[in-house]
Amino acid sequence: MPEKASGSDGSQRPLKRIRVSMDEAKDLSGETVAVVVGPQKEVFHVHETLLRQSCPFFDKAMGPQWKESKERKITMPDDEAEVMKIYVYWLYCGALLMYPPKSQESAEREDLSYVKAWILGDKLLDLEFQNAVIDGIFERYHTEPRDGKRWNVWPGAVDYAFDKTYKGAPLRRLFVDMYCLWSKKDILASWGREEDIPHAFLVEAVRTLAKRPFSCANLLPWNYYMYD
């Protein structure tokens, strides 16, 4: 049982776990690598050991035969700095950044950022990061809502996922399952115009609905993980 501490109101709350085993510690020894991202060339200085241990893409790029290893710089002009920030933060802290829930716009921005983060993980071949993103989506949407209303992923994020990922991608399956489980008769109303709905999404939704009964008990994060 965790120890308790008194809050300002006299209530008892668990002490925050602050210690970490040396065996679990991330390797922050050695030099850093400059990861230059996007058209604005935003630079992230990341420990080489951390990058190479987590990511086959960076591990290969830093091989002795490549100029990146000699220059200690990896350029990623087609990626977004905001998404790379999510990845680098996760590398060091083991947590995903989120946007303050101030407005519908910030909620939509977070949905899209997680989709882009999953796609970045696919590019980097970092399966653990992709699975962390899936966990983040579950944390955001699968917890029991306080008001009893179940909200679904922003259609714009679903559109992006179906446009930028491959057929059968776990992220696609997750979004289809979420919509089939949590949406009612207005399942397609969120898009506004029916012609805007991704055709591949509709096909998968029909297949999923044909498998009913399908319950929330089947909606578990590891069913959408990437595996070697």
C-alpha atoms as a PDB file:
ATOM      1  CA  MET A   1       0.000   0.000   0.000  1.00  0.00           C
ATOM      2  CA  PRO A   2       1.467   3.416  -0.953  1.00  0.00           C
ATOM      3  CA  GLU A   3       2.344   5.872   1.745  1.00  0.00           C
ATOM      4  CA  LYS A   4      -0.051   8.740   2.316  1.00  0.00           C
ATOM      5  CA  ALA A   5       0.604  12.453   2.607  1.00  0.00           C
ATOM      6  CA  SER A   6      -1.705  15.215   3.724  1.00  0.00           C
ATOM      7  CA  GLY A   7      -2.923  17.723   1.155  1.00  0.00           C
ATOM      8  CA  SER A   8      -3.555  21.406   1.848  1.00  0.00           C
ATOM      9  CA  ASP A   9      -7.153  20.570   2.731  1.00  0.00           C
ATOM     10  CA  GLY A  10      -6.108  17.889   5.206  1.00  0.00           C
ATOM     11  CA  SER A  11      -7.042  15.034   2.886  1.00  0.00           C
ATOM     12  CA  GLN A  12      -4.784  12.055   2.352  1.00  0.00           C
ATOM     13  CA  ARG A  13      -3.132  11.493  -1.021  1.00  0.00           C
ATOM     14  CA  PRO A  14      -0.552   8.936  -2.229  1.00  0.00           C
ATOM     15  CA  LEU A  15       3.062  10.075  -2.305  1.00  0.00           C
ATOM     16  CA  LYS A  16       4.348  10.501  -5.838  1.00  0.00           C
ATOM     17  CA  ARG A  17       6.777   7.789  -6.939  1.00  0.00           C
ATOM     18  CA  ILE A  18       9.999   9.645  -7.624  1.00  0.00           C
ATOM     19  CA  ARG A  19      12.719   6.974  -7.392  1.00  0.00           C
ATOM     20  CA  VAL A  20      13.678   4.800 -10.357  1.00  0.00           C
ATOM     21  CA  SER A  21      15.823   1.684 -10.347  1.00  0.00           C
ATOM     22  CA  MET A  22      19.305   2.099 -11.805  1.00  0.00           C
ATOM     23  CA  ASP A  23      18.486  -0.893 -14.004  1.00  0.00           C
ATOM     24  CA  GLU A  24      15.603   1.077 -15.553  1.00  0.00           C
ATOM     25  CA  ALA A  25      17.563   4.283 -16.088  1.00  0.00           C
ATOM     26  CA  LYS A  26      17.966   5.599 -19.627  1.00  0.00           C
ATOM     27  CA  ASP A  27      21.514   5.745 -20.954  1.00  0.00           C
ATOM     28  CA  LEU A  28      22.376   9.435 -21.191  1.00  0.00           C
ATOM     29  CA  SER A  29      26.112   8.963 -21.532  1.00  0.00           C
ATOM     30  CA  GLY A  30      28.171  10.064 -24.509  1.00  0.00           C
ATOM     31  CA  GLU A  31      27.660  12.744 -27.130  1.00  0.00           C
ATOM     32  CA  THR A  32      24.492  14.214 -28.537  1.00  0.00           C
ATOM     33  CA  VAL A  33      23.278  14.293 -32.130  1.00  0.00           C
ATOM     34  CA  ALA A  34      21.650  17.293 -33.787  1.00  0.00           C
ATOM     35  CA  VAL A  35      18.326  16.266 -35.349  1.00  0.00           C
ATOM     36  CA  VAL A  36      17.311  19.052 -37.743  1.00  0.00           C
ATOM     37  CA  VAL A  37      13.594  18.957 -38.474  1.00  0.00           C
ATOM     38  CA  GLY A  38      11.251  20.612 -40.951  1.00  0.00           C
ATOM     39  CA  PRO A  39      11.572  23.560 -43.334  1.00  0.00           C
ATOM     40  CA  GLN A  40      12.344  25.851 -40.390  1.00  0.00           C
ATOM     41  CA  LYS A  41      15.275  23.579 -39.486  1.00  0.00           C
ATOM     42  CA  GLU A  42      14.454  23.359 -35.804  1.00  0.00           C
ATOM     43  CA  VAL A  43      17.243  21.539 -33.986  1.00  0.00           C
ATOM     44  CA  PHE A  44      16.829  18.877 -31.299  1.00  0.00           C
ATOM     45  CA  HIS A  45      19.984  17.804 -29.465  1.00  0.00           C
ATOM     46  CA  VAL A  46      19.476  14.200 -28.390  1.00  0.00           C
ATOM     47  CA  HIS A  47      21.864  11.713 -26.810  1.00  0.00           C
ATOM     48  CA  GLU A  48      23.126   9.314 -29.460  1.00  0.00           C
ATOM     49  CA  THR A  49      22.866   6.274 -27.196  1.00  0.00           C
ATOM     50  CA  LEU A  50      19.219   7.039 -26.475  1.00  0.00           C
ATOM     51  CA  LEU A  51      18.371   7.475 -30.156  1.00  0.00           C
ATOM     52  CA  ARG A  52      20.151   4.352 -31.299  1.00  0.00           C
ATOM     53  CA  GLN A  53      18.785   2.107 -28.560  1.00  0.00           C
ATOM     54  CA  SER A  54      15.179   3.038 -29.291  1.00  0.00           C
ATOM     55  CA  CYS A  55      15.153   3.654 -33.008  1.00  0.00           C
ATOM     56  CA  PRO A  56      16.490   1.438 -35.839  1.00  0.00           C
ATOM     57  CA  PHE A  57      16.200   4.395 -38.239  1.00  0.00           C
ATOM     58  CA  PHE A  58      18.599   6.540 -36.224  1.00  0.00           C
ATOM     59  CA  ASP A  59      20.791   3.560 -35.392  1.00  0.00           C
ATOM     60  CA  LYS A  60      21.375   2.921 -39.088  1.00  0.00           C
ATOM     61  CA  ALA A  61      21.799   6.626 -39.888  1.00  0.00           C
ATOM     62  CA  MET A  62      24.571   6.885 -37.288  1.00  0.00           C
ATOM     63  CA  GLY A  63      26.520   3.954 -38.719  1.00  0.00           C
ATOM     64  CA  PRO A  64      30.206   4.732 -39.370  1.00  0.00           C
ATOM     65  CA  GLN A  65      29.764   4.534 -43.147  1.00  0.00           C
ATOM     66  CA  TRP A  66      27.313   7.462 -43.297  1.00  0.00           C
ATOM     67  CA  LYS A  67      28.078  11.190 -43.283  1.00  0.00           C
ATOM     68  CA  GLU A  68      25.515  11.735 -40.500  1.00  0.00           C
ATOM     69  CA  SER A  69      27.808   9.866 -38.148  1.00  0.00           C
ATOM     70  CA  LYS A  70      30.769  12.090 -39.005  1.00  0.00           C
ATOM     71  CA  GLU A  71      28.790  15.351 -38.943  1.00  0.00           C
ATOM     72  CA  ARG A  72      26.732  14.272 -35.912  1.00  0.00           C
ATOM     73  CA  LYS A  73      23.686  15.711 -37.634  1.00  0.00           C
ATOM     74  CA  ILE A  74      20.562  14.073 -39.056  1.00  0.00           C
ATOM     75  CA  THR A  75      18.323  16.161 -41.303  1.00  0.00           C
ATOM     76  CA  MET A  76      14.602  15.419 -41.577  1.00  0.00           C
ATOM     77  CA  PRO A  77      13.191  18.169 -43.844  1.00  0.00           C
ATOM     78  CA  ASP A  78       9.834  16.484 -44.477  1.00  0.00           C
ATOM     79  CA  ASP A  79       8.869  16.068 -40.823  1.00  0.00           C
ATOM     80  CA  GLU A  80       7.259  18.470 -38.354  1.00  0.00           C
ATOM     81  CA  ALA A  81       9.127  19.898 -35.388  1.00  0.00           C
ATOM     82  CA  GLU A  82       5.999  19.758 -33.225  1.00  0.00           C
ATOM     83  CA  VAL A  83       5.699  16.016 -33.795  1.00  0.00           C
ATOM     84  CA  MET A  84       9.409  15.431 -33.257  1.00  0.00           C
ATOM     85  CA  LYS A  85       9.060  17.268 -29.948  1.00  0.00           C
ATOM     86  CA  ILE A  86       6.525  14.635 -28.868  1.00  0.00           C
ATOM     87  CA  TYR A  87       8.974  11.890 -29.827  1.00  0.00           C
ATOM     88  CA  VAL A  88      12.001  13.416 -28.103  1.00  0.00           C
ATOM     89  CA  TYR A  89      10.023  14.110 -24.930  1.00  0.00           C
ATOM     90  CA  TRP A  90       8.863  10.493 -24.892  1.00  0.00           C
ATOM     91  CA  LEU A  91      12.443   9.282 -25.400  1.00  0.00           C
ATOM     92  CA  TYR A  92      13.613  11.087 -22.290  1.00  0.00           C
ATOM     93  CA  CYS A  93      10.531  11.024 -20.073  1.00  0.00           C
ATOM     94  CA  GLY A  94       8.504   8.017 -21.208  1.00  0.00           C
ATOM     95  CA  ALA A  95       5.357  10.156 -21.496  1.00  0.00           C
ATOM     96  CA  LEU A  96       3.398  11.801 -24.305  1.00  0.00           C
ATOM     97  CA  LEU A  97       2.856  15.535 -24.477  1.00  0.00           C
ATOM     98  CA  MET A  98      -0.756  16.682 -24.536  1.00  0.00           C
ATOM     99  CA  TYR A  99      -2.468  19.976 -25.243  1.00  0.00           C
ATOM    100  CA  PRO A 100      -4.312  21.837 -22.479  1.00  0.00           C
ATOM    101  CA  PRO A 101      -8.046  21.021 -22.877  1.00  0.00           C
ATOM    102  CA  LYS A 102      -9.032  24.642 -23.420  1.00  0.00           C
ATOM    103  CA  SER A 103     -11.097  24.366 -26.582  1.00  0.00           C
ATOM    104  CA  GLN A 104     -12.372  22.112 -29.327  1.00  0.00           C
ATOM    105  CA  GLU A 105      -9.495  23.350 -31.463  1.00  0.00           C
ATOM    106  CA  SER A 106      -6.891  22.150 -28.957  1.00  0.00           C
ATOM    107  CA  ALA A 107      -8.646  18.765 -28.726  1.00  0.00           C
ATOM    108  CA  GLU A 108      -8.556  18.414 -32.513  1.00  0.00           C
ATOM    109  CA  ARG A 109      -4.915  19.457 -32.549  1.00  0.00           C
ATOM    110  CA  GLU A 110      -4.051  16.732 -30.047  1.00  0.00           C
ATOM    111  CA  ASP A 111      -5.900  14.081 -32.056  1.00  0.00           C
ATOM    112  CA  LEU A 112      -3.992  15.026 -35.198  1.00  0.00           C
ATOM    113  CA  SER A 113      -0.656  15.262 -33.388  1.00  0.00           C
ATOM    114  CA  TYR A 114      -1.029  11.707 -32.066  1.00  0.00           C
ATOM    115  CA  VAL A 115      -1.825  10.417 -35.550  1.00  0.00           C
ATOM    116  CA  LYS A 116       1.250  12.176 -36.913  1.00  0.00           C
ATOM    117  CA  ALA A 117       3.310  10.836 -34.008  1.00  0.00           C
ATOM    118  CA  TRP A 118       2.239   7.258 -34.795  1.00  0.00           C
ATOM    119  CA  ILE A 119       3.193   7.814 -38.444  1.00  0.00           C
ATOM    120  CA  LEU A 120       6.566   9.238 -37.392  1.00  0.00           C
ATOM    121  CA  GLY A 121       7.126   6.139 -35.265  1.00  0.00           C
ATOM    122  CA  ASP A 122       6.379   4.018 -38.320  1.00  0.00           C
ATOM    123  CA  LYS A 123       8.969   5.931 -40.332  1.00  0.00           C
ATOM    124  CA  LEU A 124      11.539   5.591 -37.550  1.00  0.00           C
ATOM    125  CA  LEU A 125      10.697   1.887 -37.036  1.00  0.00           C
ATOM    126  CA  ASP A 126      10.205   2.606 -33.342  1.00  0.00           C
ATOM    127  CA  LEU A 127       7.484   0.132 -32.411  1.00  0.00           C
ATOM    128  CA  GLU A 128       7.628   0.980 -28.721  1.00  0.00           C
ATOM    129  CA  PHE A 129       6.854   4.616 -29.478  1.00  0.00           C
ATOM    130  CA  GLN A 130       3.971   3.660 -31.760  1.00  0.00           C
ATOM    131  CA  ASN A 131       2.526   1.529 -28.979  1.00  0.00           C
ATOM    132  CA  ALA A 132       2.942   4.406 -26.532  1.00  0.00           C
ATOM    133  CA  VAL A 133       0.887   6.578 -28.885  1.00  0.00           C
ATOM    134  CA  ILE A 134      -1.837   3.923 -28.917  1.00  0.00           C
ATOM    135  CA  ASP A 135      -1.780   3.983 -25.108  1.00  0.00           C
ATOM    136  CA  GLY A 136      -2.081   7.769 -25.232  1.00  0.00           C
ATOM    137  CA  ILE A 137      -5.146   7.585 -27.459  1.00  0.00           C
ATOM    138  CA  PHE A 138      -6.702   5.052 -25.092  1.00  0.00           C
ATOM    139  CA  GLU A 139      -5.973   7.249 -22.104  1.00  0.00           C
ATOM    140  CA  ARG A 140      -7.600  10.164 -23.881  1.00  0.00           C
ATOM    141  CA  TYR A 141     -10.728   8.387 -25.096  1.00  0.00           C
ATOM    142  CA  HIS A 142     -11.198   5.090 -23.292  1.00  0.00           C
ATOM    143  CA  THR A 143     -11.446   6.435 -19.750  1.00  0.00           C
ATOM    144  CA  GLU A 144     -14.981   6.798 -18.418  1.00  0.00           C
ATOM    145  CA  PRO A 145     -16.164  10.369 -19.149  1.00  0.00           C
ATOM    146  CA  ARG A 146     -17.317  12.430 -16.181  1.00  0.00           C
ATOM    147  CA  ASP A 147     -20.391  13.736 -17.978  1.00  0.00           C
ATOM    148  CA  GLY A 148     -21.342  10.298 -19.289  1.00  0.00           C
ATOM    149  CA  LYS A 149     -20.895  11.429 -22.900  1.00  0.00           C
ATOM    150  CA  ARG A 150     -18.490   9.473 -25.055  1.00  0.00           C
ATOM    151  CA  TRP A 151     -16.652  11.591 -27.613  1.00  0.00           C
ATOM    152  CA  ASN A 152     -14.878  10.189 -30.636  1.00  0.00           C
ATOM    153  CA  VAL A 153     -11.704  11.024 -32.497  1.00  0.00           C
ATOM    154  CA  TRP A 154     -11.862  14.162 -34.627  1.00  0.00           C
ATOM    155  CA  PRO A 155     -12.781  13.202 -38.233  1.00  0.00           C
ATOM    156  CA  GLY A 156      -9.900  15.312 -39.552  1.00  0.00           C
ATOM    157  CA  ALA A 157      -7.468  13.060 -37.681  1.00  0.00           C
ATOM    158  CA  VAL A 158      -9.203   9.960 -39.055  1.00  0.00           C
ATOM    159  CA  ASP A 159      -8.955  11.391 -42.581  1.00  0.00           C
ATOM    160  CA  TYR A 160      -5.241  11.990 -42.114  1.00  0.00           C
ATOM    161  CA  ALA A 161      -4.671   8.501 -40.735  1.00  0.00           C
ATOM    162  CA  PHE A 162      -6.401   6.832 -43.668  1.00  0.00           C
ATOM    163  CA  ASP A 163      -4.569   9.048 -46.150  1.00  0.00           C
ATOM    164  CA  LYS A 164      -1.082   8.536 -44.714  1.00  0.00           C
ATOM    165  CA  THR A 165      -1.062   4.965 -43.368  1.00  0.00           C
ATOM    166  CA  TYR A 166      -1.125   1.584 -45.044  1.00  0.00           C
ATOM    167  CA  LYS A 167      -4.022  -0.846 -45.405  1.00  0.00           C
ATOM    168  CA  GLY A 168      -4.505  -2.840 -42.221  1.00  0.00           C
ATOM    169  CA  ALA A 169      -2.534  -0.422 -40.034  1.00  0.00           C
ATOM    170  CA  PRO A 170      -3.404  -0.895 -36.333  1.00  0.00           C
ATOM    171  CA  LEU A 171      -4.164   2.825 -36.042  1.00  0.00           C
ATOM    172  CA  ARG A 172      -6.794   2.520 -38.765  1.00  0.00           C
ATOM    173  CA  ARG A 173      -8.363  -0.476 -37.046  1.00  0.00           C
ATOM    174  CA  LEU A 174      -8.494   1.356 -33.736  1.00  0.00           C
ATOM    175  CA  PHE A 175     -10.324   4.352 -35.197  1.00  0.00           C
ATOM    176  CA  VAL A 176     -12.816   2.139 -37.030  1.00  0.00           C
ATOM    177  CA  ASP A 177     -13.522   0.138 -33.872  1.00  0.00           C
ATOM    178  CA  MET A 178     -13.944   3.300 -31.805  1.00  0.00           C
ATOM    179  CA  TYR A 179     -16.464   4.755 -34.232  1.00  0.00           C
ATOM    180  CA  CYS A 180     -18.386   1.498 -34.541  1.00  0.00           C
ATOM    181  CA  LEU A 181     -18.595   1.119 -30.759  1.00  0.00           C
ATOM    182  CA  TRP A 182     -19.253   4.654 -29.606  1.00  0.00           C
ATOM    183  CA  SER A 183     -21.128   6.342 -32.424  1.00  0.00           C
ATOM    184  CA  LYS A 184     -24.889   6.127 -32.679  1.00  0.00           C
ATOM    185  CA  LYS A 185     -27.097   6.617 -35.710  1.00  0.00           C
ATOM    186  CA  ASP A 186     -25.256   9.837 -36.536  1.00  0.00           C
ATOM    187  CA  ILE A 187     -21.951   7.966 -36.926  1.00  0.00           C
ATOM    188  CA  LEU A 188     -21.154   9.765 -40.180  1.00  0.00           C
ATOM    189  CA  ALA A 189     -22.567  13.185 -39.321  1.00  0.00           C
ATOM    190  CA  SER A 190     -19.249  14.389 -37.915  1.00  0.00           C
ATOM    191  CA  TRP A 191     -17.799  14.656 -41.409  1.00  0.00           C
ATOM    192  CA  GLY A 192     -20.471  17.061 -42.613  1.00  0.00           C
ATOM    193  CA  ARG A 193     -20.553  15.779 -46.184  1.00  0.00           C
ATOM    194  CA  GLU A 194     -20.742  12.071 -46.926  1.00  0.00           C
ATOM    195  CA  GLU A 195     -18.384  12.434 -49.882  1.00  0.00           C
ATOM    196  CA  ASP A 196     -15.662  13.591 -47.480  1.00  0.00           C
ATOM    197  CA  ILE A 197     -15.609  10.269 -45.614  1.00  0.00           C
ATOM    198  CA  PRO A 198     -12.594   8.112 -46.561  1.00  0.00           C
ATOM    199  CA  HIS A 199     -13.738   5.168 -48.676  1.00  0.00           C
ATOM    200  CA  ALA A 200     -11.354   2.798 -46.895  1.00  0.00           C
ATOM    201  CA  PHE A 201     -12.844   3.841 -43.551  1.00  0.00           C
ATOM    202  CA  LEU A 202     -16.367   3.031 -44.760  1.00  0.00           C
ATOM    203  CA  VAL A 203     -15.293  -0.390 -46.040  1.00  0.00           C
ATOM    204  CA  GLU A 204     -13.650  -1.284 -42.730  1.00  0.00           C
ATOM    205  CA  ALA A 205     -16.603   0.074 -40.748  1.00  0.00           C
ATOM    206  CA  VAL A 206     -19.018  -2.158 -42.677  1.00  0.00           C
ATOM    207  CA  ARG A 207     -16.800  -5.186 -42.050  1.00  0.00           C
ATOM    208  CA  THR A 208     -16.582  -4.398 -38.351  1.00  0.00           C
ATOM    209  CA  LEU A 209     -20.317  -3.828 -37.964  1.00  0.00           C
ATOM    210  CA  ALA A 210     -20.968  -7.149 -39.697  1.00  0.00           C
ATOM    211  CA  LYS A 211     -19.059  -8.896 -36.883  1.00  0.00           C
ATOM    212  CA  ARG A 212     -21.476  -7.757 -34.172  1.00  0.00           C
ATOM    213  CA  PRO A 213     -21.944  -8.329 -31.312  1.00  0.00           C
ATOM    214  CA  PHE A 214     -18.756  -6.394 -30.581  1.00  0.00           C
ATOM    215  CA  SER A 215     -18.276  -4.995 -27.092  1.00  0.00           C
ATOM    216  CA  CYS A 216     -15.973  -2.550 -25.357  1.00  0.00           C
ATOM    217  CA  ALA A 217     -14.308  -5.562 -23.758  1.00  0.00           C
ATOM    218  CA  ASN A 218     -12.609  -6.128 -27.122  1.00  0.00           C
ATOM    219  CA  LEU A 219     -11.244  -2.586 -27.226  1.00  0.00           C
ATOM    220  CA  LEU A 220      -7.897  -3.141 -25.520  1.00  0.00           C
ATOM    221  CA  PRO A 221      -4.705  -1.233 -26.349  1.00  0.00           C
ATOM    222  CA  TRP A 222      -2.520  -4.287 -26.990  1.00  0.00           C
ATOM    223  CA  ASN A 223      -4.884  -5.379 -29.746  1.00  0.00           C
ATOM    224  CA  TYR A 224      -3.554  -2.395 -31.712  1.00  0.00           C
ATOM    225  CA  TYR A 225       0.150  -2.666 -30.839  1.00  0.00           C
ATOM    226  CA  MET A 226       2.949  -3.133 -33.335  1.00  0.00           C
ATOM    227  CA  TYR A 227       4.987  -6.320 -32.894  1.00  0.00           C
ATOM    228  CA  ASP A 228       8.273  -7.555 -34.340  1.00  0.00           C
END
